[in-house]
Amino acid sequence: MIDFGSNLWASSTFSLFIGVLLGAFYFAGLWWTVRQLGRSQYTAGLFLLSLLVRICVVVMTFYVFLGHDWRQLLLGLLGFFVMRLFATRCIELKNTQALAPATLSAKEAASQQRKP
């Protein structure tokens, strides 16, 4: 609904920004939902309600803000998927650091072996 006229840079930046914001909303909501599943009695209901809310917000926002031009929609989807890659990388990094045992360098290991 926002008309940028012939300003390609403004419309492209806006589309990417909307896509990144929607990706942040969607994946933060997913992260929150997964964390709440262990505490809830109604896990299936919580998951389905969260899924429906997240999907409805994302689809409606894409339609309202980016639905009038396929190029803007494509850039919005690109921003959404960039946020998806960012979220999955952060989760992989966090899991790797949490699961990997603390390793000592060869110098530290040798100095600990010498101590009585």
C-alpha atoms as a PDB file:
ATOM      1  CA  MET A   1       0.000   0.000   0.000  1.00  0.00           C
ATOM      2  CA  ILE A   2       3.028   2.268   0.194  1.00  0.00           C
ATOM      3  CA  ASP A   3       3.778   3.790  -3.203  1.00  0.00           C
ATOM      4  CA  PHE A   4       7.427   4.572  -3.838  1.00  0.00           C
ATOM      5  CA  GLY A   5       6.769   5.608  -7.397  1.00  0.00           C
ATOM      6  CA  SER A   6       9.766   4.924  -9.597  1.00  0.00           C
ATOM      7  CA  ASN A   7      12.275   4.898  -6.723  1.00  0.00           C
ATOM      8  CA  LEU A   8      13.695   1.395  -7.121  1.00  0.00           C
ATOM      9  CA  TRP A   9      16.150   1.633  -4.204  1.00  0.00           C
ATOM     10  CA  ALA A  10      13.507   2.680  -1.693  1.00  0.00           C
ATOM     11  CA  SER A  11      11.060  -0.033  -2.722  1.00  0.00           C
ATOM     12  CA  SER A  12      13.790  -2.702  -2.743  1.00  0.00           C
ATOM     13  CA  THR A  13      15.091  -1.674   0.668  1.00  0.00           C
ATOM     14  CA  PHE A  14      11.573  -1.567   2.066  1.00  0.00           C
ATOM     15  CA  SER A  15      10.799  -5.026   0.676  1.00  0.00           C
ATOM     16  CA  LEU A  16      13.955  -6.557   2.130  1.00  0.00           C
ATOM     17  CA  PHE A  17      13.304  -4.861   5.467  1.00  0.00           C
ATOM     18  CA  ILE A  18       9.738  -6.186   5.630  1.00  0.00           C
ATOM     19  CA  GLY A  19      11.011  -9.679   4.756  1.00  0.00           C
ATOM     20  CA  VAL A  20      13.664  -9.581   7.479  1.00  0.00           C
ATOM     21  CA  LEU A  21      11.163  -8.301  10.048  1.00  0.00           C
ATOM     22  CA  LEU A  22       8.681 -11.017   9.143  1.00  0.00           C
ATOM     23  CA  GLY A  23      11.407 -13.646   9.307  1.00  0.00           C
ATOM     24  CA  ALA A  24      12.457 -12.387  12.741  1.00  0.00           C
ATOM     25  CA  PHE A  25       8.825 -12.477  13.906  1.00  0.00           C
ATOM     26  CA  TYR A  26       8.209 -15.966  12.519  1.00  0.00           C
ATOM     27  CA  PHE A  27      11.360 -17.622  13.822  1.00  0.00           C
ATOM     28  CA  ALA A  28      11.318 -15.841  17.190  1.00  0.00           C
ATOM     29  CA  GLY A  29       7.735 -17.041  17.584  1.00  0.00           C
ATOM     30  CA  LEU A  30       8.785 -20.565  16.650  1.00  0.00           C
ATOM     31  CA  TRP A  31      11.660 -20.431  19.144  1.00  0.00           C
ATOM     32  CA  TRP A  32       9.320 -19.197  21.894  1.00  0.00           C
ATOM     33  CA  THR A  33       6.767 -21.894  21.090  1.00  0.00           C
ATOM     34  CA  VAL A  34       9.312 -24.702  21.200  1.00  0.00           C
ATOM     35  CA  ARG A  35      10.600 -23.460  24.561  1.00  0.00           C
ATOM     36  CA  GLN A  36       7.039 -23.375  25.962  1.00  0.00           C
ATOM     37  CA  LEU A  37       6.082 -26.867  24.755  1.00  0.00           C
ATOM     38  CA  GLY A  38       7.802 -28.579  27.688  1.00  0.00           C
ATOM     39  CA  ARG A  39       5.886 -26.482  30.219  1.00  0.00           C
ATOM     40  CA  SER A  40       2.437 -26.717  28.654  1.00  0.00           C
ATOM     41  CA  GLN A  41      -0.242 -29.348  29.177  1.00  0.00           C
ATOM     42  CA  TYR A  42      -1.691 -28.624  25.744  1.00  0.00           C
ATOM     43  CA  THR A  43       1.339 -29.051  23.521  1.00  0.00           C
ATOM     44  CA  ALA A  44      -0.567 -29.821  20.314  1.00  0.00           C
ATOM     45  CA  GLY A  45      -2.944 -26.910  20.807  1.00  0.00           C
ATOM     46  CA  LEU A  46      -0.124 -24.498  21.619  1.00  0.00           C
ATOM     47  CA  PHE A  47       1.868 -25.598  18.606  1.00  0.00           C
ATOM     48  CA  LEU A  48      -1.088 -25.390  16.209  1.00  0.00           C
ATOM     49  CA  LEU A  49      -2.260 -22.024  17.519  1.00  0.00           C
ATOM     50  CA  SER A  50       1.250 -20.595  17.279  1.00  0.00           C
ATOM     51  CA  LEU A  51       1.644 -21.985  13.770  1.00  0.00           C
ATOM     52  CA  LEU A  52      -1.650 -20.490  12.616  1.00  0.00           C
ATOM     53  CA  VAL A  53      -0.915 -17.075  14.137  1.00  0.00           C
ATOM     54  CA  ARG A  54       2.593 -16.930  12.698  1.00  0.00           C
ATOM     55  CA  ILE A  55       1.508 -18.038   9.228  1.00  0.00           C
ATOM     56  CA  CYS A  56      -1.496 -15.685   9.146  1.00  0.00           C
ATOM     57  CA  VAL A  57       0.574 -12.673  10.190  1.00  0.00           C
ATOM     58  CA  VAL A  58       3.324 -13.432   7.671  1.00  0.00           C
ATOM     59  CA  VAL A  59       1.012 -14.133   4.720  1.00  0.00           C
ATOM     60  CA  MET A  60      -1.248 -11.149   5.411  1.00  0.00           C
ATOM     61  CA  THR A  61       1.703  -8.793   5.801  1.00  0.00           C
ATOM     62  CA  PHE A  62       3.294 -10.044   2.594  1.00  0.00           C
ATOM     63  CA  TYR A  63      -0.030  -9.556   0.810  1.00  0.00           C
ATOM     64  CA  VAL A  64      -0.737  -6.081   2.190  1.00  0.00           C
ATOM     65  CA  PHE A  65       2.724  -4.555   1.881  1.00  0.00           C
ATOM     66  CA  LEU A  66       4.342  -6.484  -0.966  1.00  0.00           C
ATOM     67  CA  GLY A  67       1.491  -8.074  -2.911  1.00  0.00           C
ATOM     68  CA  HIS A  68       1.131  -5.488  -5.650  1.00  0.00           C
ATOM     69  CA  ASP A  69       4.464  -6.188  -7.385  1.00  0.00           C
ATOM     70  CA  TRP A  70       6.109  -9.564  -7.889  1.00  0.00           C
ATOM     71  CA  ARG A  71       9.608  -8.063  -7.588  1.00  0.00           C
ATOM     72  CA  GLN A  72       8.844  -6.625  -4.173  1.00  0.00           C
ATOM     73  CA  LEU A  73       7.337  -9.935  -3.103  1.00  0.00           C
ATOM     74  CA  LEU A  74      10.446 -11.772  -4.289  1.00  0.00           C
ATOM     75  CA  LEU A  75      12.734  -9.390  -2.381  1.00  0.00           C
ATOM     76  CA  GLY A  76      10.572  -9.794   0.717  1.00  0.00           C
ATOM     77  CA  LEU A  77      10.889 -13.561   0.456  1.00  0.00           C
ATOM     78  CA  LEU A  78      14.639 -13.163   0.061  1.00  0.00           C
ATOM     79  CA  GLY A  79      14.763 -11.150   3.294  1.00  0.00           C
ATOM     80  CA  PHE A  80      12.639 -13.813   5.018  1.00  0.00           C
ATOM     81  CA  PHE A  81      15.004 -16.584   3.935  1.00  0.00           C
ATOM     82  CA  VAL A  82      18.064 -14.564   4.932  1.00  0.00           C
ATOM     83  CA  MET A  83      16.564 -14.365   8.409  1.00  0.00           C
ATOM     84  CA  ARG A  84      15.933 -18.117   8.295  1.00  0.00           C
ATOM     85  CA  LEU A  85      19.590 -18.751   7.510  1.00  0.00           C
ATOM     86  CA  PHE A  86      20.631 -16.409  10.309  1.00  0.00           C
ATOM     87  CA  ALA A  87      18.330 -18.156  12.809  1.00  0.00           C
ATOM     88  CA  THR A  88      19.525 -21.644  11.892  1.00  0.00           C
ATOM     89  CA  ARG A  89      23.181 -20.588  12.079  1.00  0.00           C
ATOM     90  CA  CYS A  90      22.647 -19.073  15.528  1.00  0.00           C
ATOM     91  CA  ILE A  91      20.955 -22.261  16.742  1.00  0.00           C
ATOM     92  CA  GLU A  92      23.719 -24.454  15.302  1.00  0.00           C
ATOM     93  CA  LEU A  93      26.372 -22.286  16.942  1.00  0.00           C
ATOM     94  CA  LYS A  94      24.585 -22.360  20.281  1.00  0.00           C
ATOM     95  CA  ASN A  95      24.093 -26.138  20.170  1.00  0.00           C
ATOM     96  CA  THR A  96      27.685 -26.754  19.121  1.00  0.00           C
ATOM     97  CA  GLN A  97      29.031 -24.652  21.981  1.00  0.00           C
ATOM     98  CA  ALA A  98      26.681 -26.258  24.498  1.00  0.00           C
ATOM     99  CA  LEU A  99      27.423 -29.833  23.447  1.00  0.00           C
ATOM    100  CA  ALA A 100      31.159 -29.625  22.762  1.00  0.00           C
ATOM    101  CA  PRO A 101      33.323 -30.420  25.781  1.00  0.00           C
ATOM    102  CA  ALA A 102      35.890 -27.866  26.797  1.00  0.00           C
ATOM    103  CA  THR A 103      39.122 -28.792  25.088  1.00  0.00           C
ATOM    104  CA  LEU A 104      42.510 -27.867  26.370  1.00  0.00           C
ATOM    105  CA  SER A 105      45.399 -26.851  24.231  1.00  0.00           C
ATOM    106  CA  ALA A 106      48.436 -29.146  24.215  1.00  0.00           C
ATOM    107  CA  LYS A 107      50.341 -26.665  26.359  1.00  0.00           C
ATOM    108  CA  GLU A 108      47.570 -26.475  28.996  1.00  0.00           C
ATOM    109  CA  ALA A 109      47.163 -30.277  29.059  1.00  0.00           C
ATOM    110  CA  ALA A 110      50.911 -30.777  29.564  1.00  0.00           C
ATOM    111  CA  SER A 111      51.010 -28.249  32.397  1.00  0.00           C
ATOM    112  CA  GLN A 112      48.075 -29.944  34.149  1.00  0.00           C
ATOM    113  CA  GLN A 113      49.720 -33.364  33.887  1.00  0.00           C
ATOM    114  CA  ARG A 114      52.881 -32.069  35.621  1.00  0.00           C
ATOM    115  CA  LYS A 115      50.982 -30.769  38.636  1.00  0.00           C
ATOM    116  CA  PRO A 116      50.801 -33.304  41.509  1.00  0.00           C
END
